[in-house]
Amino acid sequence: MQEDLEQKIRERAYHLWVAEGCRDGESDRHWLVAERELLGEFAATAPAPAEKKRASRKAANSNVETVAKAPAKIRRRGS
Protein backbone atom coordinates (compact mmCIF):
# COMPACT_ATOMS: atom_id res chain seq x y z
CA MET A 1 0.00 0.00 0.00
CA GLN A 2 2.80 2.44 0.91
CA GLU A 3 4.56 1.89 -2.43
CA ASP A 4 1.27 2.24 -4.31
CA LEU A 5 0.47 5.56 -2.63
CA GLU A 6 4.00 6.83 -3.21
CA GLN A 7 3.77 5.91 -6.90
CA LYS A 8 0.43 7.74 -7.25
CA ILE A 9 1.91 10.83 -5.59
CA ARG A 10 4.94 10.65 -7.88
CA GLU A 11 2.73 10.43 -10.99
CA ARG A 12 0.49 13.30 -9.86
CA ALA A 13 3.53 15.47 -9.03
CA TYR A 14 4.93 14.73 -12.49
CA HIS A 15 1.66 15.81 -14.15
CA LEU A 16 1.67 19.02 -12.10
CA TRP A 17 5.27 19.68 -13.17
CA VAL A 18 4.41 19.16 -16.84
CA ALA A 19 1.28 21.32 -16.58
CA GLU A 20 3.36 24.19 -15.13
CA GLY A 21 5.91 24.13 -17.93
CA CYS A 22 8.56 21.70 -16.60
CA ARG A 23 10.34 24.36 -14.54
CA ASP A 24 13.20 23.19 -12.36
CA GLY A 25 13.31 23.80 -8.59
CA GLU A 26 9.62 23.17 -7.93
CA SER A 27 9.73 19.44 -7.20
CA ASP A 28 9.11 19.77 -3.45
CA ARG A 29 6.08 21.97 -4.01
CA HIS A 30 4.70 19.63 -6.69
CA TRP A 31 5.19 16.64 -4.39
CA LEU A 32 3.41 18.34 -1.47
CA VAL A 33 0.49 19.49 -3.63
CA ALA A 34 0.10 15.99 -5.09
CA GLU A 35 0.34 14.40 -1.65
CA ARG A 36 -2.28 16.78 -0.22
CA GLU A 37 -4.65 16.07 -3.12
CA LEU A 38 -4.37 12.29 -2.91
CA LEU A 39 -4.55 12.10 0.89
CA GLY A 40 -7.56 14.43 0.82
CA GLU A 41 -9.31 12.12 -1.62
CA PHE A 42 -8.45 9.12 0.54
CA ALA A 43 -9.76 10.82 3.70
CA ALA A 44 -13.00 11.80 1.94
CA THR A 45 -13.76 8.21 0.93
CA ALA A 46 -12.61 6.44 4.11
CA PRO A 47 -15.25 5.62 6.74
CA ALA A 48 -15.05 7.61 9.95
CA PRO A 49 -13.32 5.70 12.79
CA ALA A 50 -16.20 6.37 15.21
CA GLU A 51 -18.69 4.72 12.86
CA LYS A 52 -16.53 1.61 12.64
CA LYS A 53 -16.23 1.32 16.42
CA ARG A 54 -19.95 1.77 16.93
CA ALA A 55 -20.83 -0.84 14.34
CA SER A 56 -18.38 -3.40 15.70
CA ARG A 57 -19.46 -2.73 19.30
CA LYS A 58 -23.11 -3.30 18.36
CA ALA A 59 -22.23 -6.57 16.65
CA ALA A 60 -20.21 -7.71 19.66
CA ASN A 61 -22.98 -6.77 22.09
CA SER A 62 -25.63 -8.64 20.13
CA ASN A 63 -23.82 -11.93 20.85
CA VAL A 64 -23.35 -11.34 24.57
CA GLU A 65 -25.85 -12.78 27.02
CA THR A 66 -27.32 -10.37 29.51
CA VAL A 67 -26.32 -11.20 33.06
CA ALA A 68 -28.33 -9.81 35.96
CA LYS A 69 -26.24 -7.93 38.46
CA ALA A 70 -26.62 -9.00 42.09
CA PRO A 71 -27.85 -6.22 44.36
CA ALA A 72 -25.23 -4.67 46.61
CA LYS A 73 -25.37 -5.55 50.32
CA ILE A 74 -26.82 -2.87 52.52
CA ARG A 75 -25.03 -2.19 55.77
CA ARG A 76 -27.24 -1.25 58.68
CA ARG A 77 -26.03 0.94 61.45
CA GLY A 78 -26.12 -0.30 64.99
CA SER A 79 -26.68 -3.91 64.18
C-alpha atoms as a PDB file:
ATOM      1  CA  MET A   1       0.000   0.000   0.000  1.00  0.00           C
ATOM      2  CA  GLN A   2       2.799   2.436   0.913  1.00  0.00           C
ATOM      3  CA  GLU A   3       4.558   1.893  -2.427  1.00  0.00           C
ATOM      4  CA  ASP A   4       1.273   2.238  -4.314  1.00  0.00           C
ATOM      5  CA  LEU A   5       0.475   5.555  -2.626  1.00  0.00           C
ATOM      6  CA  GLU A   6       4.003   6.829  -3.210  1.00  0.00           C
ATOM      7  CA  GLN A   7       3.767   5.907  -6.901  1.00  0.00           C
ATOM      8  CA  LYS A   8       0.434   7.737  -7.250  1.00  0.00           C
ATOM      9  CA  ILE A   9       1.908  10.831  -5.586  1.00  0.00           C
ATOM     10  CA  ARG A  10       4.944  10.649  -7.884  1.00  0.00           C
ATOM     11  CA  GLU A  11       2.727  10.428 -10.989  1.00  0.00           C
ATOM     12  CA  ARG A  12       0.494  13.299  -9.863  1.00  0.00           C
ATOM     13  CA  ALA A  13       3.527  15.467  -9.032  1.00  0.00           C
ATOM     14  CA  TYR A  14       4.928  14.729 -12.492  1.00  0.00           C
ATOM     15  CA  HIS A  15       1.661  15.814 -14.149  1.00  0.00           C
ATOM     16  CA  LEU A  16       1.670  19.022 -12.102  1.00  0.00           C
ATOM     17  CA  TRP A  17       5.273  19.677 -13.173  1.00  0.00           C
ATOM     18  CA  VAL A  18       4.413  19.161 -16.838  1.00  0.00           C
ATOM     19  CA  ALA A  19       1.277  21.323 -16.577  1.00  0.00           C
ATOM     20  CA  GLU A  20       3.359  24.187 -15.125  1.00  0.00           C
ATOM     21  CA  GLY A  21       5.912  24.131 -17.929  1.00  0.00           C
ATOM     22  CA  CYS A  22       8.557  21.696 -16.597  1.00  0.00           C
ATOM     23  CA  ARG A  23      10.335  24.361 -14.536  1.00  0.00           C
ATOM     24  CA  ASP A  24      13.203  23.193 -12.359  1.00  0.00           C
ATOM     25  CA  GLY A  25      13.306  23.796  -8.594  1.00  0.00           C
ATOM     26  CA  GLU A  26       9.619  23.174  -7.929  1.00  0.00           C
ATOM     27  CA  SER A  27       9.729  19.437  -7.203  1.00  0.00           C
ATOM     28  CA  ASP A  28       9.109  19.772  -3.454  1.00  0.00           C
ATOM     29  CA  ARG A  29       6.079  21.971  -4.012  1.00  0.00           C
ATOM     30  CA  HIS A  30       4.695  19.629  -6.687  1.00  0.00           C
ATOM     31  CA  TRP A  31       5.186  16.641  -4.387  1.00  0.00           C
ATOM     32  CA  LEU A  32       3.407  18.341  -1.467  1.00  0.00           C
ATOM     33  CA  VAL A  33       0.493  19.485  -3.626  1.00  0.00           C
ATOM     34  CA  ALA A  34       0.099  15.991  -5.089  1.00  0.00           C
ATOM     35  CA  GLU A  35       0.337  14.400  -1.646  1.00  0.00           C
ATOM     36  CA  ARG A  36      -2.278  16.777  -0.219  1.00  0.00           C
ATOM     37  CA  GLU A  37      -4.653  16.073  -3.122  1.00  0.00           C
ATOM     38  CA  LEU A  38      -4.367  12.289  -2.907  1.00  0.00           C
ATOM     39  CA  LEU A  39      -4.546  12.099   0.886  1.00  0.00           C
ATOM     40  CA  GLY A  40      -7.556  14.433   0.820  1.00  0.00           C
ATOM     41  CA  GLU A  41      -9.314  12.118  -1.620  1.00  0.00           C
ATOM     42  CA  PHE A  42      -8.449   9.124   0.545  1.00  0.00           C
ATOM     43  CA  ALA A  43      -9.764  10.816   3.697  1.00  0.00           C
ATOM     44  CA  ALA A  44     -12.999  11.797   1.944  1.00  0.00           C
ATOM     45  CA  THR A  45     -13.758   8.212   0.927  1.00  0.00           C
ATOM     46  CA  ALA A  46     -12.606   6.439   4.105  1.00  0.00           C
ATOM     47  CA  PRO A  47     -15.252   5.623   6.744  1.00  0.00           C
ATOM     48  CA  ALA A  48     -15.049   7.606   9.954  1.00  0.00           C
ATOM     49  CA  PRO A  49     -13.323   5.702  12.789  1.00  0.00           C
ATOM     50  CA  ALA A  50     -16.200   6.373  15.212  1.00  0.00           C
ATOM     51  CA  GLU A  51     -18.687   4.719  12.856  1.00  0.00           C
ATOM     52  CA  LYS A  52     -16.527   1.609  12.645  1.00  0.00           C
ATOM     53  CA  LYS A  53     -16.235   1.318  16.416  1.00  0.00           C
ATOM     54  CA  ARG A  54     -19.946   1.771  16.932  1.00  0.00           C
ATOM     55  CA  ALA A  55     -20.826  -0.838  14.343  1.00  0.00           C
ATOM     56  CA  SER A  56     -18.383  -3.402  15.698  1.00  0.00           C
ATOM     57  CA  ARG A  57     -19.457  -2.733  19.298  1.00  0.00           C
ATOM     58  CA  LYS A  58     -23.112  -3.301  18.360  1.00  0.00           C
ATOM     59  CA  ALA A  59     -22.229  -6.566  16.654  1.00  0.00           C
ATOM     60  CA  ALA A  60     -20.212  -7.712  19.659  1.00  0.00           C
ATOM     61  CA  ASN A  61     -22.977  -6.771  22.093  1.00  0.00           C
ATOM     62  CA  SER A  62     -25.628  -8.644  20.134  1.00  0.00           C
ATOM     63  CA  ASN A  63     -23.822 -11.930  20.848  1.00  0.00           C
ATOM     64  CA  VAL A  64     -23.352 -11.336  24.569  1.00  0.00           C
ATOM     65  CA  GLU A  65     -25.847 -12.782  27.017  1.00  0.00           C
ATOM     66  CA  THR A  66     -27.319 -10.368  29.511  1.00  0.00           C
ATOM     67  CA  VAL A  67     -26.317 -11.198  33.056  1.00  0.00           C
ATOM     68  CA  ALA A  68     -28.330  -9.815  35.959  1.00  0.00           C
ATOM     69  CA  LYS A  69     -26.238  -7.930  38.460  1.00  0.00           C
ATOM     70  CA  ALA A  70     -26.625  -9.000  42.088  1.00  0.00           C
ATOM     71  CA  PRO A  71     -27.849  -6.216  44.363  1.00  0.00           C
ATOM     72  CA  ALA A  72     -25.227  -4.669  46.609  1.00  0.00           C
ATOM     73  CA  LYS A  73     -25.368  -5.547  50.318  1.00  0.00           C
ATOM     74  CA  ILE A  74     -26.819  -2.875  52.518  1.00  0.00           C
ATOM     75  CA  ARG A  75     -25.027  -2.191  55.772  1.00  0.00           C
ATOM     76  CA  ARG A  76     -27.242  -1.253  58.679  1.00  0.00           C
ATOM     77  CA  ARG A  77     -26.025   0.943  61.454  1.00  0.00           C
ATOM     78  CA  GLY A  78     -26.118  -0.297  64.988  1.00  0.00           C
ATOM     79  CA  SER A  79     -26.675  -3.915  64.183  1.00  0.00           C
END
